Amino acid sequence: MPYPTEPDRPANEAASRNDCGSCTICCTVMKVKELNKGAHTPCTHCHEGIGCTIYDKRPESCRVYECLWLRSQQFDKPLPANIRPDRCNVVIGTINNGNEVILYVDPSHPEAWRAPAFSEALGLFCSRGIPVHISCHDQITRVF
């Protein structure tokens, strides 16, 4: 979940933040049980492109969640900028204890996961035998 713009935030808090920048798509496409928020429903606490209005009090599931794109930015070969969730309308996550990939697709762009930008990432998952699922309109379908 993105950090709201707060220039006077203590340094020890900044170290624990996610660096989502202006990306807030997970705040729409993902469920948040603690908030009784369904998938593909904008979170009432999200200011699109800015961040969470309850960041310091956000639920645990929001605190611990990092999409695979964000996580990959720490790797030697991170996922490319053009598949950052807010640029491609897909949040890349995991299910089944991290053993499978799930693409949470913005329902207003249901074919976004088929974009050429995803070819390399999908090829990587498939070549490693990692099952890939699509979640769109709150329906999950295995595609690879």
N, C-alpha and C. Protein backbone atom coordinates (compact mmCIF):
# COMPACT_ATOMS: atom_id res chain seq x y z
N MET A 1 0.84 -1.17 0.00
CA MET A 1 0.00 0.00 0.00
C MET A 1 0.88 1.24 0.00
N PRO A 2 0.55 2.21 -0.77
CA PRO A 2 1.37 3.39 -0.90
C PRO A 2 1.39 4.24 0.35
N TYR A 3 2.47 4.93 0.54
CA TYR A 3 2.64 5.84 1.65
C TYR A 3 2.13 7.21 1.26
N PRO A 4 1.30 7.82 2.07
CA PRO A 4 0.85 9.18 1.73
C PRO A 4 2.04 10.14 1.80
N THR A 5 1.93 11.24 1.13
CA THR A 5 2.99 12.23 1.14
C THR A 5 3.00 12.94 2.49
N GLU A 6 4.04 12.67 3.26
CA GLU A 6 4.19 13.29 4.58
C GLU A 6 5.66 13.57 4.78
N PRO A 7 6.14 14.77 4.42
CA PRO A 7 7.55 15.06 4.47
C PRO A 7 8.17 15.00 5.86
N ASP A 8 7.37 15.16 6.92
CA ASP A 8 7.94 15.16 8.26
C ASP A 8 7.78 13.81 8.97
N ARG A 9 7.57 12.73 8.25
CA ARG A 9 7.44 11.40 8.82
C ARG A 9 8.80 10.99 9.40
N PRO A 10 8.83 10.43 10.64
CA PRO A 10 10.09 10.01 11.24
C PRO A 10 10.82 8.98 10.38
N ALA A 11 12.14 9.03 10.40
CA ALA A 11 12.97 8.15 9.57
C ALA A 11 12.73 6.68 9.86
N ASN A 12 12.47 6.30 11.13
CA ASN A 12 12.26 4.89 11.45
C ASN A 12 10.98 4.36 10.83
N GLU A 13 9.99 5.20 10.58
CA GLU A 13 8.78 4.77 9.90
C GLU A 13 9.02 4.63 8.41
N ALA A 14 9.82 5.51 7.85
CA ALA A 14 10.09 5.46 6.42
C ALA A 14 10.79 4.17 6.03
N ALA A 15 11.61 3.63 6.92
CA ALA A 15 12.33 2.40 6.62
C ALA A 15 11.39 1.21 6.46
N SER A 16 10.21 1.25 7.09
CA SER A 16 9.30 0.12 7.02
C SER A 16 8.23 0.26 5.95
N ARG A 17 8.27 1.33 5.19
CA ARG A 17 7.22 1.58 4.20
C ARG A 17 7.45 0.80 2.92
N ASN A 18 6.38 0.55 2.20
CA ASN A 18 6.47 0.03 0.84
C ASN A 18 6.78 1.23 -0.05
N ASP A 19 7.50 1.00 -1.13
CA ASP A 19 7.83 2.09 -2.03
C ASP A 19 7.00 1.98 -3.29
N CYS A 20 5.69 2.09 -3.13
CA CYS A 20 4.76 1.94 -4.24
C CYS A 20 4.66 3.20 -5.08
N GLY A 21 5.18 4.29 -4.58
CA GLY A 21 5.05 5.54 -5.31
C GLY A 21 3.58 5.90 -5.45
N SER A 22 3.16 6.25 -6.66
CA SER A 22 1.77 6.64 -6.90
C SER A 22 0.86 5.47 -7.26
N CYS A 23 1.39 4.25 -7.24
CA CYS A 23 0.60 3.07 -7.61
C CYS A 23 -0.36 2.70 -6.47
N THR A 24 -1.64 2.60 -6.80
CA THR A 24 -2.65 2.23 -5.81
C THR A 24 -3.61 1.17 -6.35
N ILE A 25 -3.24 0.48 -7.43
CA ILE A 25 -4.17 -0.45 -8.06
C ILE A 25 -4.53 -1.62 -7.15
N CYS A 26 -3.60 -2.05 -6.29
CA CYS A 26 -3.94 -3.16 -5.38
C CYS A 26 -5.07 -2.75 -4.44
N CYS A 27 -5.21 -1.47 -4.19
CA CYS A 27 -6.28 -0.96 -3.33
C CYS A 27 -7.65 -1.12 -3.97
N THR A 28 -7.68 -1.43 -5.25
CA THR A 28 -8.94 -1.65 -5.95
C THR A 28 -9.15 -3.12 -6.28
N VAL A 29 -8.15 -3.78 -6.86
CA VAL A 29 -8.37 -5.15 -7.37
C VAL A 29 -8.34 -6.23 -6.30
N MET A 30 -7.76 -5.96 -5.14
CA MET A 30 -7.61 -6.99 -4.12
C MET A 30 -8.68 -6.90 -3.04
N LYS A 31 -8.99 -8.07 -2.46
CA LYS A 31 -9.89 -8.12 -1.32
C LYS A 31 -9.13 -7.70 -0.07
N VAL A 32 -9.84 -7.11 0.89
CA VAL A 32 -9.27 -6.82 2.21
C VAL A 32 -10.32 -7.26 3.22
N LYS A 33 -10.14 -8.47 3.73
CA LYS A 33 -11.14 -9.05 4.64
C LYS A 33 -11.36 -8.20 5.87
N GLU A 34 -10.28 -7.64 6.42
CA GLU A 34 -10.41 -6.85 7.64
C GLU A 34 -11.30 -5.62 7.45
N LEU A 35 -11.36 -5.12 6.23
CA LEU A 35 -12.19 -3.95 5.91
C LEU A 35 -13.51 -4.34 5.26
N ASN A 36 -13.73 -5.65 5.11
CA ASN A 36 -14.92 -6.16 4.44
C ASN A 36 -15.04 -5.57 3.03
N LYS A 37 -13.86 -5.45 2.37
CA LYS A 37 -13.79 -4.88 1.03
C LYS A 37 -13.63 -5.99 0.01
N GLY A 38 -14.51 -6.04 -0.94
CA GLY A 38 -14.44 -7.05 -1.98
C GLY A 38 -13.42 -6.72 -3.06
N ALA A 39 -13.09 -7.73 -3.84
CA ALA A 39 -12.18 -7.53 -4.97
C ALA A 39 -12.83 -6.61 -6.00
N HIS A 40 -12.00 -5.87 -6.68
CA HIS A 40 -12.42 -4.99 -7.77
C HIS A 40 -13.39 -3.91 -7.31
N THR A 41 -13.22 -3.52 -6.05
CA THR A 41 -13.99 -2.43 -5.45
C THR A 41 -12.99 -1.45 -4.87
N PRO A 42 -13.05 -0.20 -5.25
CA PRO A 42 -12.09 0.75 -4.68
C PRO A 42 -12.21 0.82 -3.16
N CYS A 43 -11.07 0.81 -2.49
CA CYS A 43 -11.06 0.95 -1.04
C CYS A 43 -11.47 2.38 -0.69
N THR A 44 -12.34 2.49 0.29
CA THR A 44 -12.81 3.82 0.70
C THR A 44 -11.71 4.64 1.35
N HIS A 45 -10.60 3.99 1.73
CA HIS A 45 -9.48 4.68 2.38
C HIS A 45 -8.37 5.04 1.42
N CYS A 46 -8.58 4.76 0.14
CA CYS A 46 -7.54 5.01 -0.87
C CYS A 46 -7.85 6.27 -1.66
N HIS A 47 -6.84 7.12 -1.76
CA HIS A 47 -6.90 8.25 -2.68
C HIS A 47 -6.06 7.83 -3.86
N GLU A 48 -6.72 7.52 -4.98
CA GLU A 48 -6.05 6.99 -6.16
C GLU A 48 -4.85 7.84 -6.56
N GLY A 49 -3.73 7.18 -6.75
CA GLY A 49 -2.51 7.86 -7.16
C GLY A 49 -1.77 8.56 -6.04
N ILE A 50 -2.34 8.55 -4.84
CA ILE A 50 -1.70 9.21 -3.70
C ILE A 50 -1.39 8.21 -2.60
N GLY A 51 -2.41 7.48 -2.14
CA GLY A 51 -2.16 6.50 -1.10
C GLY A 51 -3.30 6.33 -0.13
N CYS A 52 -2.97 5.71 0.98
CA CYS A 52 -3.93 5.29 1.98
C CYS A 52 -4.13 6.37 3.04
N THR A 53 -5.40 6.68 3.32
CA THR A 53 -5.70 7.70 4.33
C THR A 53 -5.62 7.15 5.74
N ILE A 54 -5.54 5.81 5.89
CA ILE A 54 -5.40 5.20 7.21
C ILE A 54 -4.10 4.41 7.28
N TYR A 55 -3.07 4.89 6.58
CA TYR A 55 -1.82 4.15 6.44
C TYR A 55 -1.28 3.63 7.77
N ASP A 56 -1.22 4.47 8.78
CA ASP A 56 -0.68 4.07 10.08
C ASP A 56 -1.57 3.07 10.82
N LYS A 57 -2.85 2.99 10.43
CA LYS A 57 -3.80 2.08 11.07
C LYS A 57 -4.34 1.03 10.12
N ARG A 58 -3.70 0.89 8.95
CA ARG A 58 -4.20 -0.05 7.93
C ARG A 58 -4.14 -1.48 8.45
N PRO A 59 -5.00 -2.35 7.92
CA PRO A 59 -5.05 -3.74 8.37
C PRO A 59 -3.74 -4.48 8.11
N GLU A 60 -3.53 -5.54 8.85
CA GLU A 60 -2.32 -6.35 8.73
C GLU A 60 -2.10 -6.85 7.31
N SER A 61 -3.18 -7.29 6.63
CA SER A 61 -3.00 -7.80 5.27
C SER A 61 -2.44 -6.72 4.34
N CYS A 62 -2.80 -5.49 4.56
CA CYS A 62 -2.25 -4.38 3.76
C CYS A 62 -0.81 -4.09 4.17
N ARG A 63 -0.51 -4.20 5.46
CA ARG A 63 0.84 -3.93 5.94
C ARG A 63 1.87 -4.89 5.35
N VAL A 64 1.50 -6.14 5.23
CA VAL A 64 2.48 -7.14 4.80
C VAL A 64 2.50 -7.38 3.30
N TYR A 65 1.50 -6.91 2.57
CA TYR A 65 1.42 -7.21 1.15
C TYR A 65 2.41 -6.41 0.32
N GLU A 66 3.12 -7.10 -0.54
CA GLU A 66 3.94 -6.50 -1.58
C GLU A 66 3.71 -7.31 -2.84
N CYS A 67 3.36 -6.65 -3.91
CA CYS A 67 3.18 -7.37 -5.17
C CYS A 67 4.55 -7.85 -5.66
N LEU A 68 4.53 -8.80 -6.58
CA LEU A 68 5.80 -9.32 -7.09
C LEU A 68 6.59 -8.27 -7.85
N TRP A 69 5.89 -7.34 -8.49
CA TRP A 69 6.63 -6.28 -9.18
C TRP A 69 7.45 -5.49 -8.17
N LEU A 70 6.82 -5.07 -7.08
CA LEU A 70 7.53 -4.28 -6.07
C LEU A 70 8.66 -5.09 -5.44
N ARG A 71 8.38 -6.33 -5.09
CA ARG A 71 9.39 -7.20 -4.50
C ARG A 71 10.58 -7.37 -5.44
N SER A 72 10.30 -7.50 -6.75
CA SER A 72 11.37 -7.75 -7.72
C SER A 72 12.33 -6.57 -7.86
N GLN A 73 11.93 -5.39 -7.44
CA GLN A 73 12.77 -4.22 -7.60
C GLN A 73 14.03 -4.31 -6.74
N GLN A 74 14.08 -5.26 -5.82
CA GLN A 74 15.26 -5.47 -4.99
C GLN A 74 16.22 -6.47 -5.62
N PHE A 75 15.81 -7.14 -6.69
CA PHE A 75 16.60 -8.20 -7.32
C PHE A 75 17.60 -7.60 -8.31
N ASP A 76 18.58 -8.43 -8.70
CA ASP A 76 19.54 -8.01 -9.72
C ASP A 76 18.85 -7.73 -11.06
N LYS A 77 17.83 -8.54 -11.38
CA LYS A 77 17.07 -8.35 -12.61
C LYS A 77 15.60 -8.13 -12.24
N PRO A 78 15.24 -6.89 -11.90
CA PRO A 78 13.84 -6.62 -11.52
C PRO A 78 12.90 -6.71 -12.70
N LEU A 79 11.61 -6.92 -12.40
CA LEU A 79 10.60 -6.87 -13.46
C LEU A 79 10.61 -5.45 -14.04
N PRO A 80 10.37 -5.32 -15.33
CA PRO A 80 10.48 -4.01 -15.99
C PRO A 80 9.41 -3.01 -15.55
N ALA A 81 9.75 -1.75 -15.71
CA ALA A 81 8.87 -0.65 -15.31
C ALA A 81 7.53 -0.68 -16.03
N ASN A 82 7.49 -1.20 -17.26
CA ASN A 82 6.24 -1.17 -18.01
C ASN A 82 5.21 -2.17 -17.48
N ILE A 83 5.60 -3.07 -16.57
CA ILE A 83 4.59 -3.94 -15.96
C ILE A 83 4.37 -3.61 -14.49
N ARG A 84 4.74 -2.38 -14.12
CA ARG A 84 4.35 -1.89 -12.80
C ARG A 84 2.82 -1.86 -12.80
N PRO A 85 2.17 -2.32 -11.75
CA PRO A 85 0.71 -2.49 -11.77
C PRO A 85 -0.11 -1.31 -12.28
N ASP A 86 0.24 -0.11 -11.91
CA ASP A 86 -0.56 1.03 -12.36
C ASP A 86 -0.32 1.37 -13.82
N ARG A 87 0.70 0.80 -14.42
CA ARG A 87 0.98 1.05 -15.84
C ARG A 87 0.39 -0.03 -16.73
N CYS A 88 0.14 -1.22 -16.15
CA CYS A 88 -0.31 -2.34 -16.99
C CYS A 88 -1.68 -2.89 -16.56
N ASN A 89 -2.25 -2.37 -15.47
CA ASN A 89 -3.57 -2.78 -14.98
C ASN A 89 -3.62 -4.21 -14.46
N VAL A 90 -2.47 -4.71 -13.99
CA VAL A 90 -2.38 -6.06 -13.43
C VAL A 90 -1.47 -6.02 -12.20
N VAL A 91 -1.93 -6.61 -11.10
CA VAL A 91 -1.11 -6.80 -9.91
C VAL A 91 -0.65 -8.25 -9.91
N ILE A 92 0.66 -8.47 -9.87
CA ILE A 92 1.20 -9.82 -9.85
C ILE A 92 1.40 -10.22 -8.40
N GLY A 93 0.71 -11.30 -8.00
CA GLY A 93 0.82 -11.79 -6.64
C GLY A 93 1.10 -13.28 -6.63
N THR A 94 1.04 -13.86 -5.44
CA THR A 94 1.23 -15.30 -5.30
C THR A 94 0.10 -15.88 -4.47
N ILE A 95 -0.12 -17.18 -4.66
CA ILE A 95 -1.08 -17.94 -3.86
C ILE A 95 -0.44 -19.28 -3.51
N ASN A 96 -1.11 -20.03 -2.68
CA ASN A 96 -0.63 -21.37 -2.27
C ASN A 96 0.79 -21.31 -1.73
N ASN A 97 0.95 -20.48 -0.70
CA ASN A 97 2.23 -20.32 -0.01
C ASN A 97 3.36 -19.87 -0.93
N GLY A 98 3.02 -19.07 -1.93
CA GLY A 98 4.03 -18.53 -2.83
C GLY A 98 4.45 -19.46 -3.95
N ASN A 99 3.80 -20.60 -4.06
CA ASN A 99 4.18 -21.58 -5.08
C ASN A 99 3.53 -21.35 -6.44
N GLU A 100 2.53 -20.47 -6.50
CA GLU A 100 1.83 -20.20 -7.74
C GLU A 100 1.65 -18.69 -7.90
N VAL A 101 1.56 -18.25 -9.12
CA VAL A 101 1.40 -16.83 -9.43
C VAL A 101 -0.06 -16.57 -9.76
N ILE A 102 -0.53 -15.41 -9.30
CA ILE A 102 -1.88 -14.97 -9.66
C ILE A 102 -1.80 -13.54 -10.16
N LEU A 103 -2.47 -13.31 -11.26
CA LEU A 103 -2.52 -11.98 -11.86
C LEU A 103 -3.89 -11.38 -11.56
N TYR A 104 -3.91 -10.38 -10.70
CA TYR A 104 -5.15 -9.69 -10.36
C TYR A 104 -5.36 -8.61 -11.42
N VAL A 105 -6.30 -8.86 -12.31
CA VAL A 105 -6.50 -8.00 -13.47
C VAL A 105 -7.63 -7.00 -13.22
N ASP A 106 -7.36 -5.75 -13.56
CA ASP A 106 -8.38 -4.71 -13.48
C ASP A 106 -9.51 -5.10 -14.43
N PRO A 107 -10.76 -5.29 -13.92
CA PRO A 107 -11.85 -5.73 -14.78
C PRO A 107 -12.17 -4.80 -15.93
N SER A 108 -11.76 -3.54 -15.85
CA SER A 108 -11.99 -2.64 -16.97
C SER A 108 -10.95 -2.86 -18.08
N HIS A 109 -9.96 -3.72 -17.81
CA HIS A 109 -8.93 -4.09 -18.79
C HIS A 109 -8.69 -5.60 -18.71
N PRO A 110 -9.71 -6.43 -18.96
CA PRO A 110 -9.61 -7.87 -18.72
C PRO A 110 -8.55 -8.60 -19.53
N GLU A 111 -8.10 -8.04 -20.62
CA GLU A 111 -7.07 -8.69 -21.45
C GLU A 111 -5.68 -8.12 -21.20
N ALA A 112 -5.54 -7.27 -20.19
CA ALA A 112 -4.25 -6.61 -19.93
C ALA A 112 -3.12 -7.60 -19.72
N TRP A 113 -3.40 -8.75 -19.14
CA TRP A 113 -2.36 -9.74 -18.87
C TRP A 113 -1.81 -10.36 -20.16
N ARG A 114 -2.52 -10.19 -21.26
CA ARG A 114 -2.08 -10.74 -22.56
C ARG A 114 -1.17 -9.76 -23.32
N ALA A 115 -0.94 -8.59 -22.77
CA ALA A 115 -0.12 -7.58 -23.44
C ALA A 115 1.30 -8.10 -23.66
N PRO A 116 1.92 -7.69 -24.74
CA PRO A 116 3.30 -8.12 -25.01
C PRO A 116 4.26 -7.86 -23.85
N ALA A 117 4.00 -6.83 -23.08
CA ALA A 117 4.87 -6.52 -21.95
C ALA A 117 4.96 -7.68 -20.95
N PHE A 118 3.92 -8.50 -20.88
CA PHE A 118 3.89 -9.62 -19.94
C PHE A 118 4.55 -10.89 -20.48
N SER A 119 4.84 -10.93 -21.75
CA SER A 119 5.37 -12.15 -22.37
C SER A 119 6.59 -12.69 -21.65
N GLU A 120 7.54 -11.82 -21.37
CA GLU A 120 8.78 -12.27 -20.72
C GLU A 120 8.51 -12.81 -19.31
N ALA A 121 7.71 -12.09 -18.54
CA ALA A 121 7.41 -12.53 -17.17
C ALA A 121 6.64 -13.85 -17.19
N LEU A 122 5.64 -13.97 -18.05
CA LEU A 122 4.88 -15.21 -18.14
C LEU A 122 5.77 -16.36 -18.60
N GLY A 123 6.66 -16.07 -19.55
CA GLY A 123 7.60 -17.09 -20.01
C GLY A 123 8.51 -17.57 -18.89
N LEU A 124 8.93 -16.65 -18.05
CA LEU A 124 9.79 -17.00 -16.91
C LEU A 124 9.04 -17.92 -15.95
N PHE A 125 7.82 -17.55 -15.60
CA PHE A 125 7.03 -18.38 -14.69
C PHE A 125 6.79 -19.76 -15.28
N CYS A 126 6.38 -19.80 -16.53
CA CYS A 126 6.07 -21.08 -17.19
C CYS A 126 7.30 -21.96 -17.33
N SER A 127 8.44 -21.37 -17.69
CA SER A 127 9.66 -22.15 -17.86
C SER A 127 10.13 -22.78 -16.55
N ARG A 128 9.72 -22.19 -15.46
CA ARG A 128 10.08 -22.73 -14.14
C ARG A 128 8.99 -23.64 -13.59
N GLY A 129 7.96 -23.87 -14.40
CA GLY A 129 6.88 -24.75 -13.97
C GLY A 129 5.96 -24.16 -12.92
N ILE A 130 5.93 -22.84 -12.85
CA ILE A 130 5.10 -22.14 -11.86
C ILE A 130 3.71 -21.94 -12.46
N PRO A 131 2.67 -22.51 -11.84
CA PRO A 131 1.31 -22.30 -12.34
C PRO A 131 0.94 -20.81 -12.27
N VAL A 132 0.19 -20.36 -13.27
CA VAL A 132 -0.25 -18.97 -13.34
C VAL A 132 -1.77 -18.95 -13.41
N HIS A 133 -2.37 -18.10 -12.57
CA HIS A 133 -3.82 -17.94 -12.51
C HIS A 133 -4.17 -16.49 -12.80
N ILE A 134 -5.37 -16.26 -13.29
CA ILE A 134 -5.90 -14.92 -13.52
C ILE A 134 -7.09 -14.72 -12.59
N SER A 135 -7.14 -13.58 -11.93
CA SER A 135 -8.30 -13.20 -11.14
C SER A 135 -8.90 -11.95 -11.77
N CYS A 136 -10.11 -12.11 -12.29
CA CYS A 136 -10.81 -10.98 -12.90
C CYS A 136 -12.30 -11.14 -12.60
N HIS A 137 -12.94 -10.07 -12.21
CA HIS A 137 -14.35 -10.13 -11.81
C HIS A 137 -14.54 -11.15 -10.69
N ASP A 138 -13.54 -11.27 -9.82
CA ASP A 138 -13.56 -12.15 -8.66
C ASP A 138 -13.70 -13.63 -9.04
N GLN A 139 -13.26 -13.97 -10.25
CA GLN A 139 -13.22 -15.37 -10.70
C GLN A 139 -11.77 -15.70 -10.99
N ILE A 140 -11.32 -16.85 -10.49
CA ILE A 140 -9.95 -17.27 -10.69
C ILE A 140 -9.91 -18.40 -11.72
N THR A 141 -9.04 -18.23 -12.71
CA THR A 141 -8.88 -19.21 -13.78
C THR A 141 -7.39 -19.51 -13.95
N ARG A 142 -7.06 -20.80 -13.99
CA ARG A 142 -5.67 -21.16 -14.25
C ARG A 142 -5.43 -21.06 -15.76
N VAL A 143 -4.36 -20.38 -16.15
CA VAL A 143 -4.05 -20.19 -17.57
C VAL A 143 -2.78 -20.92 -18.01
N PHE A 144 -1.90 -21.25 -17.09
CA PHE A 144 -0.68 -21.99 -17.40
C PHE A 144 -0.37 -22.96 -16.27
